[in-house]
Amino acid sequence: MKGFTMWFTGLSGAGKTTLGQEIEMELLERGLPVEVLDGDVIRENLSKGLGFSKEDRDINIRRIGFVCNLLSRNDVVAIAAAIAPYRDVRREVREKIGRFVMVHCDCPLEVLKERDPKGLYKKAMAGEIKNFTGIDDPYEPPEKPEIVCYTDKETVEESVAKIMKTLEILGYIPAMETADYDSEEESKIKQRLKDLGYI
């Protein structure tokens, strides 16, 4: 199988890392080489010293995209879990990589404020954290992502099943018979990919 990049985008706490790690496990079980590039880990290592201005955010996303491209062209599945709030730089990264699947982890801001496991939204609303995406910095949702996971409504298992089925239909991973997968959901996935011009 050829390598490709999956990019999980969405607001902080929307489930990007959780889903990325679950997909990693699923792909490893199928014998595929996988690397996860988590936004927080990249910030600590590859992008240490960058701030949260638009320019610095774009540099960070380009760096993640560069590594994803290296991995993908060497037949590794690169999974990026990073907010990537701006459409232009996401589009730029997609164009450079080619084999690219965008997963939008869609969750309402009000739900994320309630969840707030790290207390980041509370701090941002109190002015203790500046340039926080979704509070005082913009997030531009992807306009035509291949996959949308509604993480306030779907279970992790449902989102994972949707992602895996989409990758199978796209031909990015070998198809497997999953008797418990909903045929109505599969029809919705096929219709989405048809609308996007994939099939």
N, C-alpha and C. Protein backbone atom coordinates (compact mmCIF):
# COMPACT_ATOMS: atom_id res chain seq x y z
N MET A 1 0.84 -1.20 0.00
CA MET A 1 0.00 0.00 0.00
C MET A 1 0.88 1.25 0.00
N LYS A 2 0.44 2.26 -0.73
CA LYS A 2 1.15 3.53 -0.74
C LYS A 2 0.84 4.30 0.54
N GLY A 3 1.79 5.14 0.93
CA GLY A 3 1.57 5.97 2.11
C GLY A 3 0.60 7.10 1.83
N PHE A 4 0.07 7.67 2.87
CA PHE A 4 -0.81 8.84 2.76
C PHE A 4 -0.83 9.56 4.10
N THR A 5 -1.39 10.74 4.11
CA THR A 5 -1.49 11.53 5.34
C THR A 5 -2.94 11.71 5.73
N MET A 6 -3.21 11.50 7.01
CA MET A 6 -4.52 11.83 7.58
C MET A 6 -4.31 12.99 8.52
N TRP A 7 -5.08 14.04 8.35
CA TRP A 7 -4.94 15.21 9.21
C TRP A 7 -6.23 15.40 10.01
N PHE A 8 -6.10 15.28 11.33
CA PHE A 8 -7.23 15.52 12.22
C PHE A 8 -7.20 16.98 12.66
N THR A 9 -8.21 17.73 12.25
CA THR A 9 -8.30 19.14 12.63
C THR A 9 -9.56 19.35 13.47
N GLY A 10 -9.56 20.39 14.27
CA GLY A 10 -10.70 20.68 15.14
C GLY A 10 -10.22 21.47 16.34
N LEU A 11 -11.14 22.01 17.08
CA LEU A 11 -10.79 22.82 18.25
C LEU A 11 -10.13 21.96 19.34
N SER A 12 -9.49 22.63 20.27
CA SER A 12 -8.87 21.94 21.40
C SER A 12 -9.92 21.13 22.16
N GLY A 13 -9.62 19.86 22.41
CA GLY A 13 -10.55 19.01 23.15
C GLY A 13 -11.59 18.31 22.31
N ALA A 14 -11.53 18.49 20.97
CA ALA A 14 -12.57 17.92 20.10
C ALA A 14 -12.36 16.44 19.79
N GLY A 15 -11.22 15.88 20.19
CA GLY A 15 -11.02 14.45 20.00
C GLY A 15 -9.97 14.07 18.97
N LYS A 16 -9.17 15.03 18.51
CA LYS A 16 -8.17 14.76 17.46
C LYS A 16 -7.16 13.69 17.88
N THR A 17 -6.56 13.88 19.04
CA THR A 17 -5.54 12.94 19.52
C THR A 17 -6.14 11.58 19.81
N THR A 18 -7.29 11.58 20.48
CA THR A 18 -7.97 10.31 20.81
C THR A 18 -8.24 9.50 19.56
N LEU A 19 -8.84 10.13 18.55
CA LEU A 19 -9.17 9.41 17.32
C LEU A 19 -7.91 9.02 16.55
N GLY A 20 -6.93 9.91 16.53
CA GLY A 20 -5.68 9.60 15.85
C GLY A 20 -5.01 8.37 16.42
N GLN A 21 -5.01 8.27 17.75
CA GLN A 21 -4.39 7.11 18.40
C GLN A 21 -5.18 5.83 18.15
N GLU A 22 -6.51 5.95 18.12
CA GLU A 22 -7.35 4.78 17.84
C GLU A 22 -7.13 4.28 16.41
N ILE A 23 -7.05 5.22 15.48
CA ILE A 23 -6.82 4.85 14.08
C ILE A 23 -5.42 4.24 13.93
N GLU A 24 -4.45 4.79 14.64
CA GLU A 24 -3.11 4.20 14.63
C GLU A 24 -3.17 2.72 15.01
N MET A 25 -3.87 2.40 16.08
CA MET A 25 -3.98 1.01 16.53
C MET A 25 -4.66 0.13 15.49
N GLU A 26 -5.73 0.65 14.89
CA GLU A 26 -6.45 -0.11 13.86
C GLU A 26 -5.54 -0.42 12.67
N LEU A 27 -4.78 0.58 12.23
CA LEU A 27 -3.91 0.40 11.07
C LEU A 27 -2.73 -0.53 11.38
N LEU A 28 -2.20 -0.41 12.60
CA LEU A 28 -1.11 -1.31 13.00
C LEU A 28 -1.58 -2.76 13.02
N GLU A 29 -2.82 -2.95 13.48
CA GLU A 29 -3.38 -4.31 13.51
C GLU A 29 -3.50 -4.90 12.10
N ARG A 30 -3.64 -4.02 11.11
CA ARG A 30 -3.73 -4.48 9.72
C ARG A 30 -2.34 -4.57 9.07
N GLY A 31 -1.31 -4.34 9.87
CA GLY A 31 0.05 -4.49 9.37
C GLY A 31 0.60 -3.31 8.60
N LEU A 32 -0.02 -2.14 8.75
CA LEU A 32 0.43 -0.96 8.02
C LEU A 32 1.39 -0.13 8.89
N PRO A 33 2.45 0.41 8.30
CA PRO A 33 3.36 1.27 9.06
C PRO A 33 2.72 2.63 9.32
N VAL A 34 2.73 3.09 10.56
CA VAL A 34 2.02 4.32 10.94
C VAL A 34 2.90 5.15 11.87
N GLU A 35 2.82 6.47 11.70
CA GLU A 35 3.43 7.41 12.65
C GLU A 35 2.40 8.47 12.98
N VAL A 36 2.27 8.79 14.28
CA VAL A 36 1.37 9.85 14.72
C VAL A 36 2.19 11.09 15.07
N LEU A 37 1.79 12.22 14.51
CA LEU A 37 2.41 13.50 14.85
C LEU A 37 1.37 14.32 15.61
N ASP A 38 1.49 14.32 16.92
CA ASP A 38 0.53 15.04 17.75
C ASP A 38 0.97 16.49 17.92
N GLY A 39 0.02 17.40 17.78
CA GLY A 39 0.32 18.83 17.84
C GLY A 39 1.09 19.25 19.08
N ASP A 40 0.68 18.76 20.25
CA ASP A 40 1.35 19.14 21.50
C ASP A 40 2.78 18.62 21.54
N VAL A 41 3.00 17.39 21.06
CA VAL A 41 4.34 16.79 21.07
C VAL A 41 5.25 17.53 20.08
N ILE A 42 4.70 17.86 18.90
CA ILE A 42 5.47 18.60 17.90
C ILE A 42 5.89 19.96 18.45
N ARG A 43 4.96 20.62 19.13
CA ARG A 43 5.26 21.93 19.72
C ARG A 43 6.43 21.84 20.70
N GLU A 44 6.48 20.74 21.42
CA GLU A 44 7.51 20.56 22.44
C GLU A 44 8.87 20.23 21.84
N ASN A 45 8.87 19.64 20.65
CA ASN A 45 10.12 19.15 20.06
C ASN A 45 10.49 19.89 18.77
N LEU A 46 9.70 19.68 17.72
CA LEU A 46 10.04 20.24 16.41
C LEU A 46 9.82 21.76 16.34
N SER A 47 8.87 22.27 17.08
CA SER A 47 8.51 23.69 16.97
C SER A 47 8.71 24.46 18.28
N LYS A 48 9.61 23.99 19.11
CA LYS A 48 9.87 24.68 20.38
C LYS A 48 10.31 26.12 20.09
N GLY A 49 9.76 27.06 20.83
CA GLY A 49 10.14 28.45 20.63
C GLY A 49 9.15 29.23 19.79
N LEU A 50 8.29 28.53 19.06
CA LEU A 50 7.27 29.24 18.28
C LEU A 50 6.14 29.69 19.19
N GLY A 51 5.58 30.83 18.88
CA GLY A 51 4.44 31.34 19.65
C GLY A 51 3.12 30.95 18.98
N PHE A 52 2.10 31.80 19.20
CA PHE A 52 0.77 31.46 18.66
C PHE A 52 0.22 32.57 17.77
N SER A 53 1.13 33.37 17.19
CA SER A 53 0.69 34.32 16.17
C SER A 53 0.30 33.53 14.93
N LYS A 54 -0.40 34.16 14.00
CA LYS A 54 -0.77 33.43 12.77
C LYS A 54 0.48 32.94 12.05
N GLU A 55 1.50 33.78 11.98
CA GLU A 55 2.74 33.41 11.29
C GLU A 55 3.38 32.17 11.93
N ASP A 56 3.46 32.18 13.27
CA ASP A 56 4.07 31.04 13.97
C ASP A 56 3.22 29.78 13.84
N ARG A 57 1.91 29.94 13.89
CA ARG A 57 1.03 28.78 13.71
C ARG A 57 1.23 28.16 12.33
N ASP A 58 1.32 29.04 11.31
CA ASP A 58 1.50 28.55 9.94
C ASP A 58 2.84 27.82 9.79
N ILE A 59 3.89 28.36 10.41
CA ILE A 59 5.21 27.70 10.36
C ILE A 59 5.10 26.32 11.00
N ASN A 60 4.43 26.24 12.14
CA ASN A 60 4.26 24.96 12.83
C ASN A 60 3.55 23.94 11.94
N ILE A 61 2.47 24.37 11.27
CA ILE A 61 1.70 23.46 10.40
C ILE A 61 2.53 23.04 9.20
N ARG A 62 3.30 23.97 8.64
CA ARG A 62 4.17 23.61 7.50
C ARG A 62 5.21 22.59 7.93
N ARG A 63 5.73 22.71 9.13
CA ARG A 63 6.72 21.74 9.63
C ARG A 63 6.10 20.35 9.78
N ILE A 64 4.91 20.33 10.35
CA ILE A 64 4.22 19.03 10.49
C ILE A 64 3.95 18.46 9.10
N GLY A 65 3.49 19.31 8.19
CA GLY A 65 3.21 18.88 6.82
C GLY A 65 4.45 18.34 6.12
N PHE A 66 5.59 18.97 6.37
CA PHE A 66 6.86 18.53 5.76
C PHE A 66 7.19 17.11 6.22
N VAL A 67 7.05 16.86 7.52
CA VAL A 67 7.34 15.53 8.06
C VAL A 67 6.33 14.52 7.52
N CYS A 68 5.06 14.90 7.48
CA CYS A 68 4.02 14.01 6.94
C CYS A 68 4.34 13.62 5.49
N ASN A 69 4.78 14.60 4.71
CA ASN A 69 5.11 14.34 3.32
C ASN A 69 6.27 13.35 3.20
N LEU A 70 7.30 13.53 4.02
CA LEU A 70 8.44 12.60 4.02
C LEU A 70 7.97 11.17 4.33
N LEU A 71 7.13 11.07 5.35
CA LEU A 71 6.63 9.75 5.75
C LEU A 71 5.76 9.14 4.65
N SER A 72 4.83 9.93 4.15
CA SER A 72 3.87 9.42 3.15
C SER A 72 4.56 8.93 1.89
N ARG A 73 5.55 9.67 1.43
CA ARG A 73 6.21 9.27 0.19
C ARG A 73 7.11 8.05 0.39
N ASN A 74 7.35 7.69 1.66
CA ASN A 74 8.07 6.46 1.97
C ASN A 74 7.12 5.36 2.45
N ASP A 75 5.86 5.47 2.01
CA ASP A 75 4.83 4.45 2.22
C ASP A 75 4.45 4.22 3.68
N VAL A 76 4.54 5.30 4.46
CA VAL A 76 4.07 5.27 5.85
C VAL A 76 2.76 6.05 5.90
N VAL A 77 1.84 5.61 6.74
CA VAL A 77 0.63 6.40 6.99
C VAL A 77 0.98 7.42 8.07
N ALA A 78 0.95 8.68 7.71
CA ALA A 78 1.23 9.76 8.66
C ALA A 78 -0.09 10.29 9.20
N ILE A 79 -0.22 10.29 10.52
CA ILE A 79 -1.43 10.81 11.16
C ILE A 79 -1.05 12.08 11.92
N ALA A 80 -1.57 13.21 11.48
CA ALA A 80 -1.33 14.48 12.17
C ALA A 80 -2.56 14.85 12.97
N ALA A 81 -2.36 15.13 14.25
CA ALA A 81 -3.45 15.60 15.11
C ALA A 81 -3.07 17.00 15.59
N ALA A 82 -3.50 18.00 14.83
CA ALA A 82 -3.13 19.38 15.14
C ALA A 82 -4.27 20.30 14.71
N ILE A 83 -4.56 21.30 15.51
CA ILE A 83 -5.70 22.19 15.25
C ILE A 83 -5.66 22.75 13.83
N ALA A 84 -4.50 23.28 13.41
CA ALA A 84 -4.36 23.86 12.06
C ALA A 84 -5.56 24.76 11.76
N PRO A 85 -5.65 25.90 12.45
CA PRO A 85 -6.89 26.69 12.38
C PRO A 85 -7.15 27.42 11.07
N TYR A 86 -6.12 27.56 10.22
CA TYR A 86 -6.30 28.38 9.01
C TYR A 86 -6.38 27.56 7.74
N ARG A 87 -7.40 27.87 6.93
CA ARG A 87 -7.65 27.10 5.70
C ARG A 87 -6.50 27.16 4.71
N ASP A 88 -5.92 28.35 4.52
CA ASP A 88 -4.89 28.52 3.49
C ASP A 88 -3.71 27.59 3.70
N VAL A 89 -3.21 27.51 4.92
CA VAL A 89 -2.04 26.66 5.16
C VAL A 89 -2.41 25.18 5.12
N ARG A 90 -3.64 24.84 5.52
CA ARG A 90 -4.09 23.45 5.37
C ARG A 90 -4.13 23.06 3.89
N ARG A 91 -4.64 23.98 3.06
CA ARG A 91 -4.71 23.74 1.62
C ARG A 91 -3.31 23.58 1.03
N GLU A 92 -2.41 24.41 1.47
CA GLU A 92 -1.01 24.37 1.02
C GLU A 92 -0.37 23.01 1.33
N VAL A 93 -0.58 22.54 2.55
CA VAL A 93 -0.02 21.25 2.98
C VAL A 93 -0.65 20.11 2.17
N ARG A 94 -1.96 20.17 1.99
CA ARG A 94 -2.67 19.14 1.21
C ARG A 94 -2.08 19.04 -0.21
N GLU A 95 -1.88 20.20 -0.84
CA GLU A 95 -1.39 20.21 -2.22
C GLU A 95 0.02 19.63 -2.32
N LYS A 96 0.85 19.89 -1.33
CA LYS A 96 2.23 19.37 -1.36
C LYS A 96 2.26 17.85 -1.16
N ILE A 97 1.36 17.36 -0.33
CA ILE A 97 1.39 15.92 -0.01
C ILE A 97 0.69 15.08 -1.07
N GLY A 98 -0.46 15.54 -1.53
CA GLY A 98 -1.18 14.79 -2.57
C GLY A 98 -2.15 13.78 -2.00
N ARG A 99 -1.63 12.65 -1.50
CA ARG A 99 -2.50 11.61 -0.91
C ARG A 99 -2.82 12.06 0.52
N PHE A 100 -3.97 12.67 0.67
CA PHE A 100 -4.27 13.42 1.89
C PHE A 100 -5.74 13.27 2.24
N VAL A 101 -6.02 12.99 3.50
CA VAL A 101 -7.40 12.85 3.97
C VAL A 101 -7.59 13.77 5.17
N MET A 102 -8.55 14.68 5.04
CA MET A 102 -8.85 15.60 6.14
C MET A 102 -10.00 15.03 6.98
N VAL A 103 -9.77 14.95 8.30
CA VAL A 103 -10.80 14.52 9.23
C VAL A 103 -11.13 15.71 10.13
N HIS A 104 -12.34 16.21 10.02
CA HIS A 104 -12.75 17.33 10.87
C HIS A 104 -13.45 16.79 12.12
N CYS A 105 -12.82 17.00 13.27
CA CYS A 105 -13.45 16.64 14.55
C CYS A 105 -14.33 17.82 14.95
N ASP A 106 -15.59 17.68 14.68
CA ASP A 106 -16.56 18.76 14.84
C ASP A 106 -17.26 18.62 16.20
N CYS A 107 -17.09 19.62 17.03
CA CYS A 107 -17.74 19.62 18.35
C CYS A 107 -18.06 21.07 18.72
N PRO A 108 -19.30 21.36 19.13
CA PRO A 108 -19.66 22.73 19.47
C PRO A 108 -18.80 23.30 20.59
N LEU A 109 -18.50 24.57 20.47
CA LEU A 109 -17.65 25.26 21.46
C LEU A 109 -18.23 25.14 22.87
N GLU A 110 -19.56 25.23 22.98
CA GLU A 110 -20.18 25.15 24.31
C GLU A 110 -19.91 23.80 24.98
N VAL A 111 -19.92 22.74 24.18
CA VAL A 111 -19.63 21.40 24.72
C VAL A 111 -18.17 21.32 25.16
N LEU A 112 -17.28 21.89 24.34
CA LEU A 112 -15.85 21.86 24.66
C LEU A 112 -15.55 22.65 25.93
N LYS A 113 -16.26 23.76 26.11
CA LYS A 113 -16.08 24.56 27.34
C LYS A 113 -16.50 23.76 28.56
N GLU A 114 -17.55 22.95 28.40
CA GLU A 114 -18.01 22.11 29.52
C GLU A 114 -17.03 20.98 29.80
N ARG A 115 -16.54 20.34 28.73
CA ARG A 115 -15.60 19.23 28.90
C ARG A 115 -14.31 19.73 29.56
N ASP A 116 -13.63 20.62 28.85
CA ASP A 116 -12.42 21.33 29.30
C ASP A 116 -11.54 20.52 30.26
N PRO A 117 -11.05 19.32 29.84
CA PRO A 117 -10.30 18.46 30.77
C PRO A 117 -9.01 19.10 31.30
N LYS A 118 -8.39 19.99 30.50
CA LYS A 118 -7.14 20.62 30.94
C LYS A 118 -7.37 22.01 31.54
N GLY A 119 -8.62 22.45 31.56
CA GLY A 119 -8.92 23.78 32.10
C GLY A 119 -8.46 24.92 31.21
N LEU A 120 -8.20 24.63 29.94
CA LEU A 120 -7.66 25.64 29.03
C LEU A 120 -8.70 26.69 28.63
N TYR A 121 -9.93 26.24 28.39
CA TYR A 121 -10.98 27.20 28.00
C TYR A 121 -11.27 28.16 29.14
N LYS A 122 -11.30 27.64 30.35
CA LYS A 122 -11.54 28.48 31.52
C LYS A 122 -10.46 29.56 31.63
N LYS A 123 -9.20 29.14 31.45
CA LYS A 123 -8.09 30.09 31.52
C LYS A 123 -8.16 31.11 30.39
N ALA A 124 -8.49 30.63 29.18
CA ALA A 124 -8.58 31.53 28.03
C ALA A 124 -9.68 32.56 28.21
N MET A 125 -10.84 32.12 28.74
CA MET A 125 -11.96 33.05 28.95
C MET A 125 -11.66 34.04 30.06
N ALA A 126 -10.78 33.65 30.98
CA ALA A 126 -10.38 34.54 32.06
C ALA A 126 -9.23 35.46 31.64
N GLY A 127 -8.75 35.29 30.40
CA GLY A 127 -7.66 36.13 29.90
C GLY A 127 -6.28 35.66 30.31
N GLU A 128 -6.21 34.46 30.91
CA GLU A 128 -4.90 33.95 31.37
C GLU A 128 -4.11 33.33 30.22
N ILE A 129 -4.80 32.89 29.16
CA ILE A 129 -4.14 32.38 27.95
C ILE A 129 -4.57 33.27 26.79
N LYS A 130 -3.60 33.81 26.08
CA LYS A 130 -3.90 34.67 24.93
C LYS A 130 -3.81 33.87 23.64
N ASN A 131 -4.48 34.37 22.59
CA ASN A 131 -4.47 33.74 21.26
C ASN A 131 -4.92 32.28 21.32
N PHE A 132 -5.98 32.03 22.07
CA PHE A 132 -6.49 30.66 22.19
C PHE A 132 -7.55 30.42 21.12
N THR A 133 -7.32 29.42 20.30
CA THR A 133 -8.22 29.14 19.16
C THR A 133 -9.64 28.87 19.64
N GLY A 134 -10.57 29.60 19.05
CA GLY A 134 -11.98 29.44 19.39
C GLY A 134 -12.47 30.45 20.41
N ILE A 135 -11.52 31.08 21.11
CA ILE A 135 -11.91 32.09 22.11
C ILE A 135 -11.51 33.48 21.62
N ASP A 136 -10.21 33.75 21.54
CA ASP A 136 -9.79 35.06 21.02
C ASP A 136 -8.92 34.92 19.77
N ASP A 137 -8.92 33.73 19.18
CA ASP A 137 -8.24 33.49 17.91
C ASP A 137 -9.19 32.67 17.04
N PRO A 138 -9.21 32.92 15.73
CA PRO A 138 -10.21 32.25 14.88
C PRO A 138 -9.89 30.78 14.60
N TYR A 139 -10.94 30.03 14.30
CA TYR A 139 -10.79 28.69 13.73
C TYR A 139 -11.65 28.65 12.48
N GLU A 140 -11.01 28.32 11.36
CA GLU A 140 -11.73 28.24 10.09
C GLU A 140 -11.98 26.77 9.76
N PRO A 141 -13.21 26.30 9.97
CA PRO A 141 -13.49 24.88 9.72
C PRO A 141 -13.23 24.52 8.26
N PRO A 142 -12.76 23.30 8.00
CA PRO A 142 -12.54 22.90 6.60
C PRO A 142 -13.86 22.89 5.83
N GLU A 143 -13.80 23.34 4.58
CA GLU A 143 -15.02 23.45 3.79
C GLU A 143 -15.45 22.12 3.19
N LYS A 144 -14.49 21.29 2.78
CA LYS A 144 -14.83 20.00 2.16
C LYS A 144 -13.94 18.88 2.69
N PRO A 145 -14.02 18.61 3.99
CA PRO A 145 -13.21 17.50 4.50
C PRO A 145 -13.75 16.16 4.00
N GLU A 146 -12.85 15.20 3.84
CA GLU A 146 -13.28 13.87 3.42
C GLU A 146 -14.16 13.22 4.49
N ILE A 147 -13.85 13.53 5.75
CA ILE A 147 -14.57 12.89 6.87
C ILE A 147 -14.91 13.95 7.91
N VAL A 148 -16.14 13.89 8.42
CA VAL A 148 -16.52 14.72 9.56
C VAL A 148 -16.96 13.80 10.69
N CYS A 149 -16.31 13.92 11.84
CA CYS A 149 -16.69 13.16 13.03
C CYS A 149 -17.34 14.13 14.01
N TYR A 150 -18.61 13.89 14.31
CA TYR A 150 -19.34 14.76 15.25
C TYR A 150 -19.10 14.20 16.65
N THR A 151 -18.02 14.66 17.27
CA THR A 151 -17.55 14.00 18.49
C THR A 151 -18.39 14.29 19.72
N ASP A 152 -19.37 15.17 19.60
CA ASP A 152 -20.31 15.36 20.71
C ASP A 152 -21.48 14.38 20.61
N LYS A 153 -21.65 13.76 19.43
CA LYS A 153 -22.79 12.86 19.21
C LYS A 153 -22.36 11.42 18.99
N GLU A 154 -21.21 11.22 18.36
CA GLU A 154 -20.74 9.87 18.03
C GLU A 154 -19.85 9.32 19.14
N THR A 155 -19.90 8.02 19.32
CA THR A 155 -18.93 7.38 20.21
C THR A 155 -17.60 7.31 19.47
N VAL A 156 -16.53 7.10 20.21
CA VAL A 156 -15.21 6.93 19.58
C VAL A 156 -15.26 5.78 18.58
N GLU A 157 -15.93 4.70 18.96
CA GLU A 157 -16.03 3.52 18.09
C GLU A 157 -16.75 3.85 16.79
N GLU A 158 -17.81 4.65 16.87
CA GLU A 158 -18.56 5.02 15.66
C GLU A 158 -17.69 5.88 14.74
N SER A 159 -16.97 6.82 15.33
CA SER A 159 -16.10 7.69 14.52
C SER A 159 -14.99 6.88 13.87
N VAL A 160 -14.39 5.96 14.63
CA VAL A 160 -13.31 5.13 14.11
C VAL A 160 -13.83 4.27 12.95
N ALA A 161 -15.01 3.68 13.11
CA ALA A 161 -15.60 2.84 12.05
C ALA A 161 -15.82 3.67 10.78
N LYS A 162 -16.31 4.89 10.94
CA LYS A 162 -16.55 5.78 9.80
C LYS A 162 -15.24 6.10 9.07
N ILE A 163 -14.20 6.40 9.85
CA ILE A 163 -12.90 6.74 9.26
C ILE A 163 -12.33 5.54 8.50
N MET A 164 -12.34 4.38 9.14
CA MET A 164 -11.77 3.19 8.51
C MET A 164 -12.52 2.82 7.23
N LYS A 165 -13.85 2.90 7.27
CA LYS A 165 -14.65 2.58 6.09
C LYS A 165 -14.34 3.56 4.96
N THR A 166 -14.18 4.83 5.29
CA THR A 166 -13.85 5.83 4.26
C THR A 166 -12.50 5.51 3.62
N LEU A 167 -11.51 5.16 4.44
CA LEU A 167 -10.18 4.82 3.91
C LEU A 167 -10.24 3.60 2.99
N GLU A 168 -11.10 2.65 3.35
CA GLU A 168 -11.27 1.46 2.50
C GLU A 168 -11.89 1.84 1.16
N ILE A 169 -12.95 2.65 1.21
CA ILE A 169 -13.65 3.04 -0.03
C ILE A 169 -12.72 3.84 -0.94
N LEU A 170 -11.87 4.68 -0.32
CA LEU A 170 -10.90 5.46 -1.11
C LEU A 170 -9.79 4.59 -1.69
N GLY A 171 -9.67 3.36 -1.18
CA GLY A 171 -8.61 2.47 -1.65
C GLY A 171 -7.26 2.73 -1.00
N TYR A 172 -7.26 3.49 0.09
CA TYR A 172 -6.01 3.79 0.78
C TYR A 172 -5.56 2.65 1.68
N ILE A 173 -6.51 1.83 2.13
CA ILE A 173 -6.18 0.66 2.95
C ILE A 173 -6.98 -0.53 2.41
N PRO A 174 -6.47 -1.75 2.62
CA PRO A 174 -7.22 -2.93 2.15
C PRO A 174 -8.58 -3.02 2.85
N ALA A 175 -9.58 -3.40 2.08
CA ALA A 175 -10.92 -3.54 2.65
C ALA A 175 -11.01 -4.82 3.48
N MET A 176 -11.77 -4.73 4.56
CA MET A 176 -12.03 -5.91 5.40
C MET A 176 -13.52 -6.03 5.59
N GLU A 177 -13.98 -7.25 5.69
CA GLU A 177 -15.41 -7.49 5.94
C GLU A 177 -15.73 -7.17 7.39
N THR A 178 -16.61 -6.20 7.58
CA THR A 178 -17.06 -5.87 8.93
C THR A 178 -18.57 -6.02 8.97
N ALA A 179 -19.01 -7.15 9.44
CA ALA A 179 -20.44 -7.49 9.41
C ALA A 179 -21.29 -6.50 10.20
N ASP A 180 -20.69 -5.87 11.22
CA ASP A 180 -21.48 -4.99 12.08
C ASP A 180 -21.53 -3.55 11.56
N TYR A 181 -20.94 -3.29 10.38
CA TYR A 181 -20.96 -1.91 9.90
C TYR A 181 -22.29 -1.60 9.22
N ASP A 182 -22.85 -0.46 9.55
CA ASP A 182 -24.16 -0.02 9.09
C ASP A 182 -24.12 0.32 7.59
N SER A 183 -24.94 -0.37 6.79
CA SER A 183 -24.94 -0.13 5.35
C SER A 183 -25.45 1.27 5.01
N GLU A 184 -26.34 1.81 5.86
CA GLU A 184 -26.83 3.17 5.64
C GLU A 184 -25.70 4.18 5.81
N GLU A 185 -24.86 3.96 6.83
CA GLU A 185 -23.69 4.83 7.05
C GLU A 185 -22.72 4.72 5.88
N GLU A 186 -22.54 3.50 5.39
CA GLU A 186 -21.63 3.30 4.25
C GLU A 186 -22.14 4.07 3.03
N SER A 187 -23.46 4.06 2.82
CA SER A 187 -24.05 4.80 1.71
C SER A 187 -23.80 6.29 1.85
N LYS A 188 -23.88 6.80 3.09
CA LYS A 188 -23.62 8.23 3.34
C LYS A 188 -22.17 8.57 3.02
N ILE A 189 -21.25 7.69 3.41
CA ILE A 189 -19.83 7.91 3.14
C ILE A 189 -19.60 7.96 1.63
N LYS A 190 -20.18 6.99 0.92
CA LYS A 190 -20.00 6.93 -0.53
C LYS A 190 -20.57 8.19 -1.21
N GLN A 191 -21.72 8.65 -0.71
CA GLN A 191 -22.32 9.85 -1.28
C GLN A 191 -21.43 11.07 -1.04
N ARG A 192 -20.85 11.17 0.16
CA ARG A 192 -19.95 12.28 0.47
C ARG A 192 -18.73 12.27 -0.46
N LEU A 193 -18.14 11.09 -0.63
CA LEU A 193 -16.96 10.97 -1.48
C LEU A 193 -17.31 11.22 -2.96
N LYS A 194 -18.52 10.84 -3.33
CA LYS A 194 -18.99 11.12 -4.70
C LYS A 194 -19.14 12.64 -4.90
N ASP A 195 -19.73 13.30 -3.90
CA ASP A 195 -19.91 14.75 -3.97
C ASP A 195 -18.56 15.49 -4.04
N LEU A 196 -17.54 14.90 -3.40
CA LEU A 196 -16.21 15.51 -3.39
C LEU A 196 -15.40 15.14 -4.65
N GLY A 197 -15.98 14.25 -5.48
CA GLY A 197 -15.33 13.89 -6.73
C GLY A 197 -14.34 12.74 -6.66
N TYR A 198 -14.38 11.97 -5.56
CA TYR A 198 -13.46 10.84 -5.41
C TYR A 198 -13.94 9.59 -6.14
N ILE A 199 -15.26 9.39 -6.12
CA ILE A 199 -15.80 8.18 -6.74
C ILE A 199 -16.98 8.54 -7.64
